């Protein structure tokens, strides 16, 4: 899965384990994304990406992908499609 589909630097992220206001800093590889803040939970989570802070719902998000989070890390890995 290429996580770049619908995900780019500056996209805001919403999901379990993600602090409100967190955004994508860079997309490192096809399955790794660097966030502006560290995750606050661990495990596999579905995250929603949107270029703005408003309208981040499943129907309006630019992409919904499952990633593996690790507390105290701002790198999320293992992108796969979700939805």
C-alpha atoms as a PDB file:
ATOM      1  CA  UNK A   1       0.000   0.000   0.000  1.00  0.00           C
ATOM      2  CA  UNK A   2       1.354   3.386  -0.937  1.00  0.00           C
ATOM      3  CA  UNK A   3       0.442   5.670   1.965  1.00  0.00           C
ATOM      4  CA  UNK A   4       1.125   8.689  -0.217  1.00  0.00           C
ATOM      5  CA  UNK A   5      -2.283   8.232  -1.837  1.00  0.00           C
ATOM      6  CA  UNK A   6      -4.261  11.057  -0.236  1.00  0.00           C
ATOM      7  CA  UNK A   7      -1.619  11.853   2.401  1.00  0.00           C
ATOM      8  CA  UNK A   8       0.815  14.745   2.151  1.00  0.00           C
ATOM      9  CA  UNK A   9       2.827  17.088   4.349  1.00  0.00           C
ATOM     10  CA  UNK A  10       0.551  19.524   6.142  1.00  0.00           C
ATOM     11  CA  UNK A  11      -2.451  17.162   6.340  1.00  0.00           C
ATOM     12  CA  UNK A  12      -4.069  17.132   9.767  1.00  0.00           C
ATOM     13  CA  UNK A  13      -4.633  13.753  11.411  1.00  0.00           C
ATOM     14  CA  UNK A  14      -7.481  12.546  13.608  1.00  0.00           C
ATOM     15  CA  UNK A  15      -7.668   9.174  15.329  1.00  0.00           C
ATOM     16  CA  UNK A  16      -7.191   7.275  18.564  1.00  0.00           C
ATOM     17  CA  UNK A  17      -3.769   8.001  20.026  1.00  0.00           C
ATOM     18  CA  UNK A  18      -3.280  11.228  18.066  1.00  0.00           C
ATOM     19  CA  UNK A  19      -3.218  14.581  19.887  1.00  0.00           C
ATOM     20  CA  UNK A  20      -5.615  17.158  18.381  1.00  0.00           C
ATOM     21  CA  UNK A  21      -3.817  19.517  15.999  1.00  0.00           C
ATOM     22  CA  UNK A  22      -1.234  16.930  14.910  1.00  0.00           C
ATOM     23  CA  UNK A  23      -0.237  17.126  11.255  1.00  0.00           C
ATOM     24  CA  UNK A  24       2.007  15.296   8.764  1.00  0.00           C
ATOM     25  CA  UNK A  25       5.543  16.681   8.649  1.00  0.00           C
ATOM     26  CA  UNK A  26       6.838  14.343   5.936  1.00  0.00           C
ATOM     27  CA  UNK A  27       5.990  11.086   4.213  1.00  0.00           C
ATOM     28  CA  UNK A  28       9.275   9.144   4.507  1.00  0.00           C
ATOM     29  CA  UNK A  29       8.487   5.975   2.598  1.00  0.00           C
ATOM     30  CA  UNK A  30       5.506   4.116   1.215  1.00  0.00           C
ATOM     31  CA  UNK A  31       4.584   3.028   4.743  1.00  0.00           C
ATOM     32  CA  UNK A  32       6.119   5.579   7.126  1.00  0.00           C
ATOM     33  CA  UNK A  33       4.893   9.053   8.071  1.00  0.00           C
ATOM     34  CA  UNK A  34       6.491  11.603  10.445  1.00  0.00           C
ATOM     35  CA  UNK A  35       4.025  13.513  12.626  1.00  0.00           C
ATOM     36  CA  UNK A  36       4.332  16.921  14.274  1.00  0.00           C
ATOM     37  CA  UNK A  37       3.713  15.325  17.695  1.00  0.00           C
ATOM     38  CA  UNK A  38       4.330  11.928  19.240  1.00  0.00           C
ATOM     39  CA  UNK A  39       1.509   9.412  19.519  1.00  0.00           C
ATOM     40  CA  UNK A  40      -0.096   9.029  22.938  1.00  0.00           C
ATOM     41  CA  UNK A  41      -1.175   5.392  22.431  1.00  0.00           C
ATOM     42  CA  UNK A  42       0.272   2.241  20.933  1.00  0.00           C
ATOM     43  CA  UNK A  43      -1.140  -0.337  18.559  1.00  0.00           C
ATOM     44  CA  UNK A  44      -2.884  -0.454  15.210  1.00  0.00           C
ATOM     45  CA  UNK A  45      -5.261   2.471  14.645  1.00  0.00           C
ATOM     46  CA  UNK A  46      -7.251   3.900  11.751  1.00  0.00           C
ATOM     47  CA  UNK A  47      -6.195   7.500  11.183  1.00  0.00           C
ATOM     48  CA  UNK A  48      -7.992  10.102   9.080  1.00  0.00           C
ATOM     49  CA  UNK A  49      -6.057  12.666   7.046  1.00  0.00           C
ATOM     50  CA  UNK A  50      -7.404  16.031   5.865  1.00  0.00           C
ATOM     51  CA  UNK A  51      -5.819  19.270   4.627  1.00  0.00           C
ATOM     52  CA  UNK A  52      -7.866  21.298   7.129  1.00  0.00           C
ATOM     53  CA  UNK A  53      -8.942  20.951  10.756  1.00  0.00           C
ATOM     54  CA  UNK A  54     -12.623  20.994   9.826  1.00  0.00           C
ATOM     55  CA  UNK A  55     -14.631  18.203   8.293  1.00  0.00           C
ATOM     56  CA  UNK A  56     -12.356  15.376   9.336  1.00  0.00           C
ATOM     57  CA  UNK A  57     -14.890  12.580   9.229  1.00  0.00           C
ATOM     58  CA  UNK A  58     -14.710   9.275   7.362  1.00  0.00           C
ATOM     59  CA  UNK A  59     -16.883  10.663   4.580  1.00  0.00           C
ATOM     60  CA  UNK A  60     -14.841  13.863   4.206  1.00  0.00           C
ATOM     61  CA  UNK A  61     -11.286  12.757   4.954  1.00  0.00           C
ATOM     62  CA  UNK A  62      -8.762  12.744   2.154  1.00  0.00           C
ATOM     63  CA  UNK A  63      -7.554   9.299   3.225  1.00  0.00           C
ATOM     64  CA  UNK A  64      -8.248   6.755   5.943  1.00  0.00           C
ATOM     65  CA  UNK A  65      -5.326   4.448   6.634  1.00  0.00           C
ATOM     66  CA  UNK A  66      -4.405   1.994   9.374  1.00  0.00           C
ATOM     67  CA  UNK A  67      -1.033   2.584  10.994  1.00  0.00           C
ATOM     68  CA  UNK A  68       0.877   1.145  13.930  1.00  0.00           C
ATOM     69  CA  UNK A  69       1.485   3.729  16.659  1.00  0.00           C
ATOM     70  CA  UNK A  70       4.048   3.684  19.411  1.00  0.00           C
ATOM     71  CA  UNK A  71       3.833   6.003  22.415  1.00  0.00           C
ATOM     72  CA  UNK A  72       6.533   8.675  22.572  1.00  0.00           C
ATOM     73  CA  UNK A  73       7.277   8.280  18.846  1.00  0.00           C
ATOM     74  CA  UNK A  74       6.302  10.719  16.123  1.00  0.00           C
ATOM     75  CA  UNK A  75       6.839   8.141  13.348  1.00  0.00           C
ATOM     76  CA  UNK A  76       3.896   5.918  12.378  1.00  0.00           C
ATOM     77  CA  UNK A  77       4.407   2.833  10.238  1.00  0.00           C
ATOM     78  CA  UNK A  78       2.691   0.030   8.382  1.00  0.00           C
ATOM     79  CA  UNK A  79       0.139   1.882   6.276  1.00  0.00           C
ATOM     80  CA  UNK A  80      -2.767  -0.082   4.879  1.00  0.00           C
ATOM     81  CA  UNK A  81      -6.097   0.980   3.460  1.00  0.00           C
ATOM     82  CA  UNK A  82      -9.062   1.189   5.760  1.00  0.00           C
ATOM     83  CA  UNK A  83     -12.716   1.803   5.332  1.00  0.00           C
END
